[in-house]
Amino acid sequence: MNRKLKLIGTAILIATFASTFSACSDTKTDEQARYMRVYGTIYNDGELIVTENAVLSFLQYSDMSTIALCGQSNCDHSNAVTEDGLPCLAYGKQTLPFLYNEKLYWFEDRYETKDGKAVESAVLHSSDPLGTSEKEVCKIEGFSCDWISTSVLKNNTLLFFPYQSAYDEKGAITGDNTNHFGVLDIETGKFTDFGATENNKTKILGVYDNKFYFNSSVYDIKTGKYSENTMPSEPPAVRLSDDYYAYNNDSNIEVLTPKTSEPIVIHNDKILSETVILGDYLFQCDNAQWYYYNLKDEAPARHDISYGEGLYAQVLSEYEDSYIISVYNAEEQTVTKEKVAKSDILGGSKIWQKD
């Protein structure tokens, strides 16, 4: 491809992504909790992903196409440096990347020497969606973030588990890290350290009713109070969404909502490691059998979905009248993402068969 065509392609890419980004990232009107995981951060119109060659990209749900988040005019994103010697702006942003208020954010671990001692810092950067206009937002001295696998963004509040490294007498890192629970205000850069987590655990249960649950603790996002979690919290037998708190109770699943005093009861089933709550539906996948419950029903009944032998399906998100699903092929050991009409999955007595 010649340089002129690359310039035209980049211009189209920027225009396309800008329209998508403005819809998916306006957290001032979208109060949904965003979960930053290793495989991606999900938004209304797509998700951030890091490709196998470490390129930060955005998967657009409209056409399931992937856009590398780089605005360099002559870059094919195959290397960290373009053929003109300029950096690919999609590289080096794999540590907790997220979108907020029309900006892209990510962390970088920085190691410096201060008073003869090694000092680590987690540095938060921001840029426009395609990597230009980069600036340093804040520096959290004494902490690192590069091994964090999961965090949560609720409006402008980042809930995460930075860690402190241990050093030997020569200043070398020993690997004995201590995880802390931290809260960062993205707009002001204010970081609050709530101390080391119990037994170094960092298991996130989720956000429910404006409260962040993890391990045996709970953080009230509105009041800023940190306390013991008195609700069922033994993973993996718990699943949370903004509107539902589901857990195992003997041989049943019980589901709490902020608006009801008594739990919804799903008889003779249990929360599994693959359980997902999306909207008003609880999806399960047990030994390649995919099924769901409508949590709005007075007595939720099981609805089986046939998706094909040896295929394990999981709902990731919803987009307009479709679900975005992840499908694991046990025989080929591959994972693909697909967009499927909701009517094909939520068909009641209709069984949908994957071709």
Protein backbone atom coordinates (compact mmCIF):
# COMPACT_ATOMS: atom_id res chain seq x y z
CA MET A 1 0.00 0.00 0.00
CA ASN A 2 1.43 3.38 -0.94
CA ARG A 3 1.69 6.35 1.40
CA LYS A 4 -1.29 8.24 -0.09
CA LEU A 5 -3.63 5.30 0.39
CA LYS A 6 -2.39 4.85 3.95
CA LEU A 7 -3.16 8.51 4.71
CA ILE A 8 -6.68 8.13 3.31
CA GLY A 9 -7.18 4.92 5.29
CA THR A 10 -6.05 6.56 8.51
CA ALA A 11 -8.40 9.51 7.99
CA ILE A 12 -11.35 7.14 7.52
CA LEU A 13 -10.26 5.15 10.58
CA ILE A 14 -10.13 8.26 12.77
CA ALA A 15 -13.56 9.47 11.62
CA THR A 16 -15.12 6.05 12.13
CA PHE A 17 -13.62 5.51 15.55
CA ALA A 18 -14.41 9.04 16.73
CA SER A 19 -18.14 8.53 16.11
CA THR A 20 -18.09 5.16 17.86
CA PHE A 21 -16.02 6.45 20.76
CA SER A 22 -18.25 9.44 21.46
CA ALA A 23 -21.17 7.06 21.92
CA CYS A 24 -19.44 4.42 24.00
CA SER A 25 -17.30 6.44 26.35
CA ASP A 26 -19.51 9.18 27.77
CA THR A 27 -19.49 8.00 31.37
CA LYS A 28 -21.13 11.23 32.52
CA THR A 29 -24.43 9.79 31.26
CA ASP A 30 -23.54 6.10 31.51
CA GLU A 31 -23.17 4.91 35.09
CA GLN A 32 -22.57 1.24 34.28
CA ALA A 33 -19.60 -0.34 36.04
CA ARG A 34 -16.83 -1.19 33.57
CA TYR A 35 -14.71 -4.24 34.33
CA MET A 36 -11.14 -4.05 33.08
CA ARG A 37 -9.94 -7.59 32.51
CA VAL A 38 -7.03 -9.23 30.71
CA TYR A 39 -9.17 -10.04 27.68
CA GLY A 40 -10.70 -6.57 27.35
CA THR A 41 -12.85 -3.77 28.74
CA ILE A 42 -16.44 -3.76 27.49
CA TYR A 43 -18.36 -0.62 26.53
CA ASN A 44 -21.75 0.07 24.95
CA ASP A 45 -20.55 -0.05 21.34
CA GLY A 46 -17.42 -2.19 21.58
CA GLU A 47 -14.48 -3.22 23.70
CA LEU A 48 -10.82 -2.49 24.22
CA ILE A 49 -8.61 -5.47 23.47
CA VAL A 50 -4.87 -6.10 23.39
CA THR A 51 -3.92 -8.26 20.42
CA GLU A 52 -1.37 -11.06 20.46
CA ASN A 53 1.34 -8.67 19.24
CA ALA A 54 0.55 -6.21 22.09
CA VAL A 55 -1.41 -3.69 19.97
CA LEU A 56 -4.15 -1.88 21.87
CA SER A 57 -7.26 -1.98 19.68
CA PHE A 58 -11.00 -1.36 19.75
CA LEU A 59 -13.47 -4.03 18.60
CA GLN A 60 -16.52 -2.28 17.13
CA TYR A 61 -19.73 -4.22 17.72
CA SER A 62 -21.51 -2.57 14.80
CA ASP A 63 -19.56 -4.60 12.23
CA MET A 64 -17.22 -6.62 14.52
CA SER A 65 -14.19 -4.91 12.99
CA THR A 66 -11.03 -4.09 14.95
CA ILE A 67 -9.30 -0.69 14.94
CA ALA A 68 -5.75 -0.23 16.25
CA LEU A 69 -5.68 2.83 18.53
CA CYS A 70 -2.95 4.63 16.64
CA GLY A 71 -3.28 7.90 14.78
CA GLN A 72 0.10 7.79 13.00
CA SER A 73 -0.50 8.37 9.30
CA ASN A 74 2.01 5.83 8.02
CA CYS A 75 1.74 2.94 10.48
CA ASP A 76 0.56 -0.61 9.89
CA HIS A 77 0.89 -1.48 13.63
CA SER A 78 3.09 -4.48 12.94
CA ASN A 79 6.06 -3.00 14.81
CA ALA A 80 6.63 -0.62 17.69
CA VAL A 81 8.15 1.87 15.20
CA THR A 82 6.79 2.94 11.81
CA GLU A 83 8.83 2.90 8.60
CA ASP A 84 9.29 6.66 9.14
CA GLY A 85 10.88 6.03 12.53
CA LEU A 86 7.87 7.25 14.50
CA PRO A 87 6.38 5.21 17.38
CA CYS A 88 3.23 3.17 16.85
CA LEU A 89 0.84 4.80 19.31
CA ALA A 90 -1.02 1.54 19.99
CA TYR A 91 2.01 -0.14 21.62
CA GLY A 92 2.95 -0.12 25.29
CA LYS A 93 -0.55 0.48 26.66
CA GLN A 94 -1.49 -2.99 27.87
CA THR A 95 -1.57 -2.18 31.62
CA LEU A 96 -5.18 -1.43 32.63
CA PRO A 97 -6.20 0.56 29.54
CA PHE A 98 -9.66 2.16 29.69
CA LEU A 99 -11.77 4.85 28.05
CA TYR A 100 -13.30 7.68 30.04
CA ASN A 101 -14.88 10.96 28.98
CA GLU A 102 -13.51 10.82 25.42
CA LYS A 103 -9.96 10.00 26.49
CA LEU A 104 -7.82 6.89 26.59
CA TYR A 105 -6.05 6.03 29.87
CA TRP A 106 -3.41 3.46 30.78
CA PHE A 107 -0.78 2.78 33.44
CA GLU A 108 2.98 2.54 33.18
CA ASP A 109 5.24 1.21 35.93
CA ARG A 110 8.25 3.44 36.50
CA TYR A 111 11.33 2.59 38.56
CA GLU A 112 13.62 5.35 39.82
CA THR A 113 16.39 5.82 42.37
CA LYS A 114 15.64 8.16 45.27
CA ASP A 115 18.09 8.77 48.10
CA GLY A 116 20.04 5.72 46.96
CA LYS A 117 17.00 3.44 47.07
CA ALA A 118 14.83 1.99 44.33
CA VAL A 119 11.38 3.59 44.15
CA GLU A 120 8.50 2.22 42.09
CA SER A 121 5.58 4.27 40.85
CA ALA A 122 2.38 3.55 38.95
CA VAL A 123 2.01 6.38 36.44
CA LEU A 124 -1.37 7.07 34.85
CA HIS A 125 -1.25 8.49 31.31
CA SER A 126 -3.97 9.86 29.06
CA SER A 127 -4.29 10.71 25.38
CA ASP A 128 -6.95 11.16 22.78
CA PRO A 129 -8.53 7.87 21.60
CA LEU A 130 -5.90 7.31 18.91
CA GLY A 131 -2.87 7.98 21.09
CA THR A 132 -2.00 11.60 20.34
CA SER A 133 -1.85 14.50 22.84
CA GLU A 134 -0.41 12.20 25.49
CA LYS A 135 0.15 13.54 29.01
CA GLU A 136 0.89 12.28 32.50
CA VAL A 137 -2.21 12.43 34.73
CA CYS A 138 -0.76 11.41 38.10
CA LYS A 139 1.94 9.30 39.73
CA ILE A 140 1.19 6.88 42.58
CA GLU A 141 4.54 6.55 44.31
CA GLY A 142 5.40 3.28 46.04
CA PHE A 143 3.06 1.11 43.95
CA SER A 144 3.07 -0.94 40.72
CA CYS A 145 0.25 -2.07 38.44
CA ASP A 146 1.79 -4.26 35.75
CA TRP A 147 0.52 -7.58 37.16
CA ILE A 148 -3.03 -6.43 37.88
CA SER A 149 -5.52 -8.56 35.95
CA THR A 150 -8.88 -7.04 36.92
CA SER A 151 -10.14 -3.62 38.03
CA VAL A 152 -13.41 -1.71 37.96
CA LEU A 153 -14.26 1.79 36.71
CA LYS A 154 -17.50 3.30 38.04
CA ASN A 155 -18.04 6.81 36.67
CA ASN A 156 -14.78 8.65 37.52
CA THR A 157 -13.78 6.20 40.29
CA LEU A 158 -11.17 3.51 39.57
CA LEU A 159 -11.23 0.61 42.05
CA PHE A 160 -8.11 -1.53 41.79
CA PHE A 161 -5.36 -3.46 43.58
CA PRO A 162 -1.91 -1.89 43.10
CA TYR A 163 0.90 -3.72 44.84
CA GLN A 164 4.07 -2.87 46.73
CA SER A 165 7.22 -4.81 45.87
CA ALA A 166 9.66 -6.15 48.45
CA TYR A 167 13.39 -5.46 47.97
CA ASP A 168 16.44 -7.26 49.33
CA GLU A 169 19.42 -5.51 50.93
CA LYS A 170 20.96 -4.96 47.49
CA GLY A 171 17.87 -3.24 46.16
CA ALA A 172 16.69 -6.15 43.98
CA ILE A 173 12.99 -7.06 43.84
CA THR A 174 12.32 -10.32 45.70
CA GLY A 175 8.89 -11.04 44.22
CA ASP A 176 7.16 -10.93 47.62
CA ASN A 177 4.50 -8.42 46.64
CA THR A 178 1.81 -6.99 48.93
CA ASN A 179 -1.54 -6.17 47.33
CA HIS A 180 -3.45 -3.11 48.49
CA PHE A 181 -6.98 -1.91 47.80
CA GLY A 182 -6.84 1.53 46.21
CA VAL A 183 -9.33 4.09 44.91
CA LEU A 184 -8.32 6.66 42.29
CA ASP A 185 -10.37 9.67 41.20
CA ILE A 186 -9.62 9.92 37.48
CA GLU A 187 -10.56 13.60 37.24
CA THR A 188 -8.51 14.89 40.18
CA GLY A 189 -5.75 12.27 40.35
CA LYS A 190 -6.40 11.75 44.07
CA PHE A 191 -5.35 8.25 45.22
CA THR A 192 -6.60 6.69 48.46
CA ASP A 193 -4.82 3.63 49.85
CA PHE A 194 -7.04 1.49 52.09
CA GLY A 195 -4.16 -0.77 53.08
CA ALA A 196 -3.12 -4.34 52.37
CA THR A 197 -5.85 -6.79 51.38
CA GLU A 198 -6.73 -9.78 53.55
CA ASN A 199 -4.26 -12.63 52.86
CA ASN A 200 -3.09 -10.73 49.76
CA LYS A 201 -6.34 -11.57 47.95
CA THR A 202 -7.69 -9.47 45.07
CA LYS A 203 -10.83 -11.36 44.07
CA ILE A 204 -13.37 -8.93 42.63
CA LEU A 205 -17.00 -9.94 43.07
CA GLY A 206 -18.37 -6.87 41.31
CA VAL A 207 -20.43 -3.71 41.72
CA TYR A 208 -23.98 -3.92 43.05
CA ASP A 209 -26.20 -1.06 44.20
CA ASN A 210 -23.27 1.41 44.01
CA LYS A 211 -21.13 -0.75 46.25
CA PHE A 212 -17.90 -2.49 45.22
CA TYR A 213 -17.56 -6.02 46.63
CA PHE A 214 -14.33 -8.01 46.84
CA ASN A 215 -13.17 -10.88 49.03
CA SER A 216 -14.84 -10.22 52.40
CA SER A 217 -14.93 -6.43 52.06
CA VAL A 218 -17.21 -3.80 50.55
CA TYR A 219 -16.55 -0.20 49.48
CA ASP A 220 -19.48 2.21 49.21
CA ILE A 221 -18.75 4.28 46.11
CA LYS A 222 -21.10 7.12 47.10
CA THR A 223 -19.99 7.57 50.72
CA GLY A 224 -16.37 6.39 50.39
CA LYS A 225 -16.78 4.04 53.38
CA TYR A 226 -14.87 0.75 53.53
CA SER A 227 -16.27 -2.09 55.64
CA GLU A 228 -16.74 -5.83 56.07
CA ASN A 229 -19.00 -7.62 53.59
CA THR A 230 -21.81 -9.32 55.49
CA MET A 231 -23.45 -10.74 52.36
CA PRO A 232 -22.58 -14.14 50.83
CA SER A 233 -19.16 -13.68 49.23
CA GLU A 234 -17.46 -17.03 48.64
CA PRO A 235 -16.14 -17.12 45.04
CA PRO A 236 -16.86 -18.51 42.55
CA ALA A 237 -20.36 -19.05 43.99
CA VAL A 238 -21.30 -15.35 43.65
CA ARG A 239 -22.13 -13.18 40.63
CA LEU A 240 -22.89 -9.46 40.63
CA SER A 241 -24.22 -6.90 38.21
CA ASP A 242 -25.30 -3.31 38.85
CA ASP A 243 -28.83 -4.56 39.61
CA TYR A 244 -28.42 -8.13 40.87
CA TYR A 245 -26.46 -9.98 43.58
CA ALA A 246 -26.63 -13.76 42.96
CA TYR A 247 -25.22 -16.48 45.21
CA ASN A 248 -25.58 -20.16 46.06
CA ASN A 249 -27.73 -21.17 48.99
CA ASP A 250 -27.76 -24.95 49.52
CA SER A 251 -29.19 -26.43 46.30
CA ASN A 252 -30.64 -23.16 44.97
CA ILE A 253 -29.50 -19.86 43.48
CA GLU A 254 -30.78 -16.79 45.30
CA VAL A 255 -30.73 -13.38 43.63
CA LEU A 256 -31.07 -10.07 45.48
CA THR A 257 -32.14 -6.76 43.94
CA PRO A 258 -32.03 -3.26 45.47
CA LYS A 259 -35.79 -2.92 44.97
CA THR A 260 -37.01 -6.13 46.65
CA SER A 261 -36.73 -7.38 50.22
CA GLU A 262 -36.94 -11.09 49.41
CA PRO A 263 -34.50 -12.87 47.04
CA ILE A 264 -35.48 -14.36 43.71
CA VAL A 265 -35.08 -18.14 44.01
CA ILE A 266 -33.87 -20.39 41.19
CA HIS A 267 -34.44 -23.95 42.34
CA ASN A 268 -32.04 -26.86 41.88
CA ASP A 269 -29.19 -24.97 40.24
CA LYS A 270 -25.98 -23.27 41.31
CA ILE A 271 -23.69 -20.43 40.29
CA LEU A 272 -20.89 -21.74 38.06
CA SER A 273 -17.54 -20.28 37.07
CA GLU A 274 -19.08 -19.44 33.66
CA THR A 275 -22.22 -17.75 35.06
CA VAL A 276 -22.95 -14.29 33.59
CA ILE A 277 -25.67 -11.78 34.53
CA LEU A 278 -26.46 -9.34 31.74
CA GLY A 279 -29.49 -7.10 31.86
CA ASP A 280 -32.30 -9.13 33.42
CA TYR A 281 -30.95 -12.51 32.33
CA LEU A 282 -28.70 -15.01 34.08
CA PHE A 283 -26.76 -17.16 31.61
CA GLN A 284 -25.16 -20.50 32.44
CA CYS A 285 -22.92 -22.92 30.55
CA ASP A 286 -22.57 -26.37 32.12
CA ASN A 287 -20.70 -29.10 30.22
CA ALA A 288 -21.37 -27.38 26.89
CA GLN A 289 -25.08 -26.98 27.69
CA TRP A 290 -25.98 -23.29 27.46
CA TYR A 291 -29.14 -21.99 29.13
CA TYR A 292 -30.62 -18.91 30.80
CA TYR A 293 -33.14 -17.60 33.33
CA ASN A 294 -35.26 -14.46 33.03
CA LEU A 295 -34.86 -12.76 36.41
CA LYS A 296 -37.99 -10.68 35.80
CA ASP A 297 -40.15 -13.82 35.91
CA GLU A 298 -41.94 -14.50 39.19
CA ALA A 299 -40.55 -18.04 39.22
CA PRO A 300 -37.58 -18.09 36.79
CA ALA A 301 -37.56 -21.22 34.64
CA ARG A 302 -34.62 -22.72 32.78
CA HIS A 303 -34.48 -22.16 29.01
CA ASP A 304 -31.99 -24.35 27.14
CA ILE A 305 -30.09 -23.07 24.10
CA SER A 306 -28.53 -25.49 21.65
CA TYR A 307 -25.34 -24.07 20.20
CA GLY A 308 -23.50 -27.04 18.76
CA GLU A 309 -21.57 -30.00 20.11
CA GLY A 310 -18.27 -29.21 21.81
CA LEU A 311 -18.88 -25.44 21.84
CA TYR A 312 -18.96 -23.45 25.08
CA ALA A 313 -20.71 -20.09 24.76
CA GLN A 314 -20.67 -17.10 27.11
CA VAL A 315 -22.44 -13.76 26.77
CA LEU A 316 -20.04 -10.81 27.00
CA SER A 317 -22.21 -7.82 26.19
CA GLU A 318 -25.27 -6.60 24.35
CA TYR A 319 -25.44 -4.27 21.37
CA GLU A 320 -28.81 -2.97 20.15
CA ASP A 321 -30.84 -6.12 19.33
CA SER A 322 -27.87 -8.51 19.56
CA TYR A 323 -25.64 -10.22 22.09
CA ILE A 324 -21.88 -10.33 21.75
CA ILE A 325 -20.79 -13.83 22.71
CA SER A 326 -17.51 -15.63 23.20
CA VAL A 327 -17.39 -19.20 21.90
CA TYR A 328 -14.78 -21.75 22.92
CA ASN A 329 -14.27 -24.70 20.56
CA ALA A 330 -13.01 -27.56 22.72
CA GLU A 331 -11.75 -29.66 19.80
CA GLU A 332 -9.87 -26.87 18.04
CA GLN A 333 -9.04 -25.03 21.29
CA THR A 334 -9.96 -21.68 19.78
CA VAL A 335 -11.98 -18.71 21.05
CA THR A 336 -14.03 -16.53 18.73
CA LYS A 337 -16.37 -13.59 19.30
CA GLU A 338 -19.66 -13.39 17.45
CA LYS A 339 -22.70 -11.13 17.25
CA VAL A 340 -25.99 -13.02 17.55
CA ALA A 341 -29.56 -11.67 17.48
CA LYS A 342 -31.20 -11.68 20.91
CA SER A 343 -34.31 -13.21 19.38
CA ASP A 344 -32.26 -16.24 18.33
CA ILE A 345 -31.08 -16.80 21.90
CA LEU A 346 -34.05 -15.65 23.99
CA GLY A 347 -36.50 -17.70 21.96
CA GLY A 348 -38.44 -19.30 24.79
CA SER A 349 -39.37 -22.73 23.44
CA LYS A 350 -37.40 -22.06 20.28
CA ILE A 351 -34.05 -23.83 20.27
CA TRP A 352 -31.38 -22.08 18.26
CA GLN A 353 -28.75 -24.28 16.66
CA LYS A 354 -25.31 -23.01 15.69
CA ASP A 355 -24.60 -23.87 12.04
